[in-house]
């Protein structure tokens, strides 16, 4: 078993984490979170999404947030662009990377965007082409890769289908996302193997939700395969809209604590990371949804 010696973390808290918040989070708070994350050593931050404010009102301030960030050299700022309209709006804010999403479940695709998996990826083709023509990196994600709220279990073949279609339209990197957090280690490895049929090991990442408490186990199972890139969320921000009251994204602090304890480099300062999570949690008036942060904050208070 050869574990990676270093791991790259993409913090999706500002986008995936905050988009589910009911009450508006002001742009300056979002900008403050991005600044604290980059000061903690994060080199990859998913900042916002250019979607219709009708669907995701929380992201209506996308351009303002992107304009307000004091960019640090060596940090990549990504945004979600679900269609051509979103991409055209995003370009003005000069993202380093765009993210497109395709579901691994036909029922999920139909319920969410009213079309099949194949049609959804076809829609992304012009977005991917336009981004690459402008030198913007394109990351794709396979959502509900391990389980779907409508279909139940999702077989590895479905992940393979999305990986193949994403590769065909020019998507450069593929994230395997356990959107509802039902995956377990062996299932995650099978889904990863499916993605690796079309993408190199350096071009895949894991995005695991902690709904059932499996995210760290799933991360370890992926590390054992040599996967060295992961999406995580500061303070465990982000619920799971399909599981009432369930936690969503795995906390960046918990993943970093585990990796550092395994002797794996992340380039992240855990104390500063915990401060960033505390900053946003204080604003939201709740405790960070991270075991490591809770333990370390209690230790500090003691």
Protein backbone atom coordinates (compact mmCIF):
# COMPACT_ATOMS: atom_id res chain seq x y z
CA UNK A 1 0.00 0.00 0.00
CA UNK A 2 1.65 3.21 -1.16
CA UNK A 3 -0.04 6.31 0.17
CA UNK A 4 0.46 9.68 -1.54
CA UNK A 5 3.10 11.83 0.18
CA UNK A 6 1.08 14.99 -0.42
CA UNK A 7 -2.59 15.77 -0.93
CA UNK A 8 -4.31 18.68 -2.64
CA UNK A 9 -7.45 19.98 -0.96
CA UNK A 10 -10.09 22.05 -2.76
CA UNK A 11 -12.16 23.92 -0.17
CA UNK A 12 -15.73 24.13 -1.47
CA UNK A 13 -17.14 25.82 1.65
CA UNK A 14 -17.74 29.26 0.12
CA UNK A 15 -19.78 27.71 -2.72
CA UNK A 16 -21.08 24.22 -1.93
CA UNK A 17 -21.09 24.90 1.80
CA UNK A 18 -22.95 28.20 1.83
CA UNK A 19 -25.39 27.65 -1.02
CA UNK A 20 -27.78 25.74 1.26
CA UNK A 21 -27.94 28.47 3.90
CA UNK A 22 -31.48 29.83 4.22
CA UNK A 23 -30.50 33.32 5.41
CA UNK A 24 -28.42 35.51 3.11
CA UNK A 25 -24.69 35.59 3.89
CA UNK A 26 -23.31 39.03 2.94
CA UNK A 27 -20.65 39.21 0.23
CA UNK A 28 -18.07 40.65 2.64
CA UNK A 29 -18.43 37.60 4.93
CA UNK A 30 -17.92 35.24 1.97
CA UNK A 31 -14.87 37.26 0.89
CA UNK A 32 -13.59 37.15 4.48
CA UNK A 33 -13.88 33.35 4.45
CA UNK A 34 -11.97 33.07 1.16
CA UNK A 35 -9.21 35.34 2.53
CA UNK A 36 -8.89 33.27 5.71
CA UNK A 37 -8.77 30.02 3.75
CA UNK A 38 -6.00 31.25 1.47
CA UNK A 39 -4.10 32.60 4.50
CA UNK A 40 -4.33 29.12 6.01
CA UNK A 41 -2.49 27.80 2.95
CA UNK A 42 -5.33 26.58 0.72
CA UNK A 43 -4.33 26.75 -2.93
CA UNK A 44 -7.70 25.75 -4.42
CA UNK A 45 -10.94 27.46 -3.43
CA UNK A 46 -14.37 27.01 -5.00
CA UNK A 47 -15.71 30.53 -4.54
CA UNK A 48 -19.22 30.79 -5.95
CA UNK A 49 -21.54 29.68 -8.72
CA UNK A 50 -22.99 31.51 -11.67
CA UNK A 51 -26.47 30.05 -11.57
CA UNK A 52 -29.82 31.79 -11.83
CA UNK A 53 -30.48 33.68 -8.56
CA UNK A 54 -34.02 32.39 -8.89
CA UNK A 55 -32.73 28.86 -8.15
CA UNK A 56 -29.87 29.70 -5.77
CA UNK A 57 -30.49 33.15 -4.23
CA UNK A 58 -27.48 32.73 -1.93
CA UNK A 59 -25.14 32.99 -4.95
CA UNK A 60 -26.72 36.14 -6.45
CA UNK A 61 -23.67 38.16 -5.31
CA UNK A 62 -21.25 35.98 -7.34
CA UNK A 63 -19.63 38.82 -9.33
CA UNK A 64 -19.33 41.01 -6.24
CA UNK A 65 -17.61 38.22 -4.29
CA UNK A 66 -15.17 37.45 -7.12
CA UNK A 67 -14.37 41.17 -7.51
CA UNK A 68 -13.79 41.59 -3.77
CA UNK A 69 -11.19 38.87 -3.34
CA UNK A 70 -7.57 39.95 -2.98
CA UNK A 71 -6.06 37.21 -5.08
CA UNK A 72 -2.96 35.44 -3.92
CA UNK A 73 -0.45 34.18 -6.48
CA UNK A 74 -0.50 30.41 -6.72
CA UNK A 75 -4.14 30.11 -5.62
CA UNK A 76 -6.74 28.79 -8.04
CA UNK A 77 -10.23 30.30 -7.77
CA UNK A 78 -12.99 28.19 -9.30
CA UNK A 79 -16.68 28.82 -9.98
CA UNK A 80 -19.57 26.58 -10.93
CA UNK A 81 -21.09 27.31 -14.35
CA UNK A 82 -24.05 25.06 -15.21
CA UNK A 83 -24.70 26.47 -18.68
CA UNK A 84 -23.53 28.91 -21.35
CA UNK A 85 -25.35 31.82 -19.75
CA UNK A 86 -23.62 31.13 -16.45
CA UNK A 87 -20.26 30.77 -18.17
CA UNK A 88 -20.63 34.09 -20.02
CA UNK A 89 -21.48 35.83 -16.74
CA UNK A 90 -18.53 34.14 -15.02
CA UNK A 91 -15.88 35.08 -17.60
CA UNK A 92 -15.92 38.75 -16.60
CA UNK A 93 -14.87 37.77 -13.08
CA UNK A 94 -11.78 35.93 -14.40
CA UNK A 95 -12.03 32.50 -12.74
CA UNK A 96 -9.00 30.20 -13.02
CA UNK A 97 -11.24 27.18 -13.34
CA UNK A 98 -14.87 26.36 -14.00
CA UNK A 99 -16.81 23.38 -12.72
CA UNK A 100 -19.56 21.48 -14.54
CA UNK A 101 -21.76 18.77 -12.99
CA UNK A 102 -23.31 15.65 -14.45
CA UNK A 103 -25.33 13.11 -12.45
CA UNK A 104 -24.65 9.37 -12.48
CA UNK A 105 -28.37 8.69 -12.12
CA UNK A 106 -30.96 9.17 -14.86
CA UNK A 107 -33.73 9.84 -12.31
CA UNK A 108 -31.64 12.51 -10.57
CA UNK A 109 -30.81 14.15 -13.89
CA UNK A 110 -34.47 14.20 -14.94
CA UNK A 111 -35.71 15.51 -11.58
CA UNK A 112 -33.06 18.21 -11.32
CA UNK A 113 -32.49 19.47 -14.83
CA UNK A 114 -35.25 17.82 -16.79
CA UNK A 115 -33.07 15.85 -19.20
CA UNK A 116 -31.12 12.61 -19.48
CA UNK A 117 -27.47 12.18 -18.42
CA UNK A 118 -26.41 12.19 -22.08
CA UNK A 119 -28.36 15.38 -22.83
CA UNK A 120 -26.97 17.12 -19.74
CA UNK A 121 -23.38 16.47 -20.81
CA UNK A 122 -24.19 17.58 -24.37
CA UNK A 123 -25.31 20.91 -22.89
CA UNK A 124 -21.91 21.33 -21.26
CA UNK A 125 -20.00 20.78 -24.51
CA UNK A 126 -20.12 24.45 -25.67
CA UNK A 127 -19.27 25.63 -22.13
CA UNK A 128 -16.21 23.38 -21.99
CA UNK A 129 -15.13 24.42 -25.47
CA UNK A 130 -15.51 28.14 -24.70
CA UNK A 131 -13.62 27.81 -21.40
CA UNK A 132 -10.71 25.92 -22.89
CA UNK A 133 -10.48 28.40 -25.78
CA UNK A 134 -9.97 31.09 -23.14
CA UNK A 135 -7.37 29.05 -21.26
CA UNK A 136 -9.70 28.37 -18.31
CA UNK A 137 -9.25 24.94 -16.73
CA UNK A 138 -12.34 22.70 -16.71
CA UNK A 139 -13.17 20.42 -13.81
CA UNK A 140 -16.14 18.08 -14.02
CA UNK A 141 -17.99 16.32 -11.23
CA UNK A 142 -20.08 13.17 -11.25
CA UNK A 143 -22.79 13.82 -8.68
CA UNK A 144 -24.72 11.05 -6.88
CA UNK A 145 -21.91 8.69 -7.93
CA UNK A 146 -22.61 6.20 -5.13
CA UNK A 147 -26.28 6.58 -4.41
CA UNK A 148 -29.30 8.55 -5.51
CA UNK A 149 -32.30 9.75 -3.46
CA UNK A 150 -34.63 8.46 -6.22
CA UNK A 151 -32.85 5.40 -7.63
CA UNK A 152 -31.00 4.09 -4.57
CA UNK A 153 -27.69 2.37 -5.32
CA UNK A 154 -25.78 3.68 -8.33
CA UNK A 155 -23.61 1.07 -10.13
CA UNK A 156 -20.00 1.78 -11.16
CA UNK A 157 -21.10 1.47 -14.82
CA UNK A 158 -23.06 4.72 -14.44
CA UNK A 159 -19.94 6.51 -13.19
CA UNK A 160 -18.04 5.05 -16.13
CA UNK A 161 -20.67 6.43 -18.54
CA UNK A 162 -20.36 9.97 -17.16
CA UNK A 163 -16.55 9.74 -17.13
CA UNK A 164 -16.53 8.70 -20.79
CA UNK A 165 -18.93 11.46 -21.85
CA UNK A 166 -17.05 14.12 -19.84
CA UNK A 167 -13.77 13.02 -21.41
CA UNK A 168 -15.31 13.20 -24.89
CA UNK A 169 -16.35 16.84 -24.48
CA UNK A 170 -12.92 17.88 -23.18
CA UNK A 171 -13.39 18.02 -19.39
CA UNK A 172 -9.87 17.94 -17.93
CA UNK A 173 -10.44 16.67 -14.41
CA UNK A 174 -13.14 14.44 -12.90
CA UNK A 175 -14.41 14.51 -9.32
CA UNK A 176 -16.36 11.54 -8.01
CA UNK A 177 -19.01 13.00 -5.71
CA UNK A 178 -20.97 11.09 -3.10
CA UNK A 179 -23.63 13.79 -2.99
CA UNK A 180 -25.89 12.16 -0.42
CA UNK A 181 -23.08 10.55 1.59
CA UNK A 182 -24.26 6.94 1.34
CA UNK A 183 -20.99 5.52 -0.02
CA UNK A 184 -18.81 3.10 1.91
CA UNK A 185 -15.10 2.36 1.29
CA UNK A 186 -15.35 -0.60 -1.12
CA UNK A 187 -18.14 1.09 -3.13
CA UNK A 188 -16.03 4.24 -3.35
CA UNK A 189 -13.07 2.25 -4.67
CA UNK A 190 -15.29 0.68 -7.37
CA UNK A 191 -16.61 4.09 -8.43
CA UNK A 192 -13.03 5.41 -8.56
CA UNK A 193 -11.93 2.44 -10.67
CA UNK A 194 -14.73 3.30 -13.10
CA UNK A 195 -13.53 6.92 -13.35
CA UNK A 196 -9.92 5.77 -13.79
CA UNK A 197 -10.88 3.94 -17.00
CA UNK A 198 -11.05 7.34 -18.68
CA UNK A 199 -9.01 9.65 -16.44
CA UNK A 200 -5.44 9.48 -15.24
CA UNK A 201 -4.87 9.13 -11.48
CA UNK A 202 -3.61 12.75 -11.44
CA UNK A 203 -6.91 13.94 -12.93
CA UNK A 204 -9.43 12.46 -10.49
CA UNK A 205 -10.58 13.56 -7.07
CA UNK A 206 -13.00 12.52 -4.33
CA UNK A 207 -15.89 14.62 -3.00
CA UNK A 208 -17.42 12.80 -0.03
CA UNK A 209 -20.32 13.89 2.10
CA UNK A 210 -20.43 12.77 5.71
CA UNK A 211 -24.19 12.15 5.97
CA UNK A 212 -23.66 8.63 7.36
CA UNK A 213 -20.27 9.33 8.95
CA UNK A 214 -18.36 7.57 6.14
CA UNK A 215 -16.37 10.42 4.60
CA UNK A 216 -13.03 9.87 6.38
CA UNK A 217 -13.20 6.12 5.77
CA UNK A 218 -13.97 6.79 2.11
CA UNK A 219 -11.06 9.26 1.92
CA UNK A 220 -8.70 6.64 3.39
CA UNK A 221 -9.98 4.02 0.92
CA UNK A 222 -9.21 6.44 -1.93
CA UNK A 223 -5.78 7.35 -0.54
CA UNK A 224 -4.95 3.62 -0.60
CA UNK A 225 -5.60 3.72 -4.37
CA UNK A 226 -3.21 6.66 -4.76
CA UNK A 227 -5.93 9.33 -5.17
CA UNK A 228 -4.37 12.57 -3.91
CA UNK A 229 -7.01 15.27 -4.54
CA UNK A 230 -10.15 15.91 -2.47
CA UNK A 231 -12.96 18.44 -2.09
CA UNK A 232 -13.75 19.36 1.51
CA UNK A 233 -15.69 22.13 3.21
CA UNK A 234 -14.51 24.53 5.89
CA UNK A 235 -16.23 23.83 9.25
CA UNK A 236 -18.23 21.07 7.52
CA UNK A 237 -20.48 23.72 5.93
CA UNK A 238 -23.29 22.45 3.74
CA UNK A 239 -26.18 20.20 4.54
CA UNK A 240 -27.65 17.45 2.44
CA UNK A 241 -30.90 18.68 0.85
CA UNK A 242 -32.08 15.08 0.39
CA UNK A 243 -31.60 13.99 4.01
CA UNK A 244 -33.33 16.32 6.46
CA UNK A 245 -31.00 17.56 9.19
CA UNK A 246 -28.09 15.49 7.91
CA UNK A 247 -24.59 16.88 7.71
CA UNK A 248 -23.22 17.45 4.26
CA UNK A 249 -19.66 17.95 3.14
CA UNK A 250 -16.82 16.47 5.11
CA UNK A 251 -15.04 19.14 7.19
CA UNK A 252 -11.69 20.33 5.81
CA UNK A 253 -10.34 20.40 9.38
CA UNK A 254 -11.11 16.69 9.94
CA UNK A 255 -9.48 15.62 6.67
CA UNK A 256 -6.39 17.79 7.29
CA UNK A 257 -6.06 16.48 10.86
CA UNK A 258 -6.18 12.89 9.57
CA UNK A 259 -3.72 13.53 6.73
CA UNK A 260 -1.21 15.32 8.98
CA UNK A 261 -1.50 12.46 11.47
CA UNK A 262 -0.57 10.07 8.64
CA UNK A 263 2.48 12.13 7.71
CA UNK A 264 0.87 13.36 4.47
CA UNK A 265 1.62 16.96 3.47
CA UNK A 266 -1.19 19.40 2.64
CA UNK A 267 0.56 22.79 2.88
CA UNK A 268 -2.27 23.85 5.21
CA UNK A 269 -1.85 25.40 8.66
CA UNK A 270 -4.44 23.53 10.78
CA UNK A 271 -4.71 26.27 13.42
CA UNK A 272 -5.39 28.97 10.84
CA UNK A 273 -7.83 26.64 9.10
CA UNK A 274 -9.72 26.20 12.38
CA UNK A 275 -9.81 30.01 12.76
CA UNK A 276 -11.36 30.30 9.28
CA UNK A 277 -14.03 27.73 10.17
CA UNK A 278 -14.72 29.48 13.48
CA UNK A 279 -15.09 32.82 11.67
CA UNK A 280 -17.86 31.57 9.38
CA UNK A 281 -19.50 29.45 12.12
CA UNK A 282 -19.61 32.47 14.45
CA UNK A 283 -21.33 34.46 11.74
CA UNK A 284 -23.87 31.65 11.21
CA UNK A 285 -24.29 31.46 15.00
CA UNK A 286 -23.47 27.80 15.39
CA UNK A 287 -20.58 25.56 16.24
CA UNK A 288 -18.24 24.26 13.50
CA UNK A 289 -19.42 20.90 12.18
CA UNK A 290 -15.95 19.41 12.59
CA UNK A 291 -14.80 17.00 15.28
CA UNK A 292 -11.16 18.11 15.01
CA UNK A 293 -12.08 21.81 15.20
CA UNK A 294 -14.35 21.20 18.20
CA UNK A 295 -11.62 19.29 20.05
CA UNK A 296 -8.93 21.88 19.32
CA UNK A 297 -11.20 24.86 20.15
CA UNK A 298 -12.12 23.18 23.47
CA UNK A 299 -8.43 22.62 24.18
CA UNK A 300 -7.69 26.29 23.43
CA UNK A 301 -10.52 27.41 25.73
CA UNK A 302 -9.24 25.11 28.49
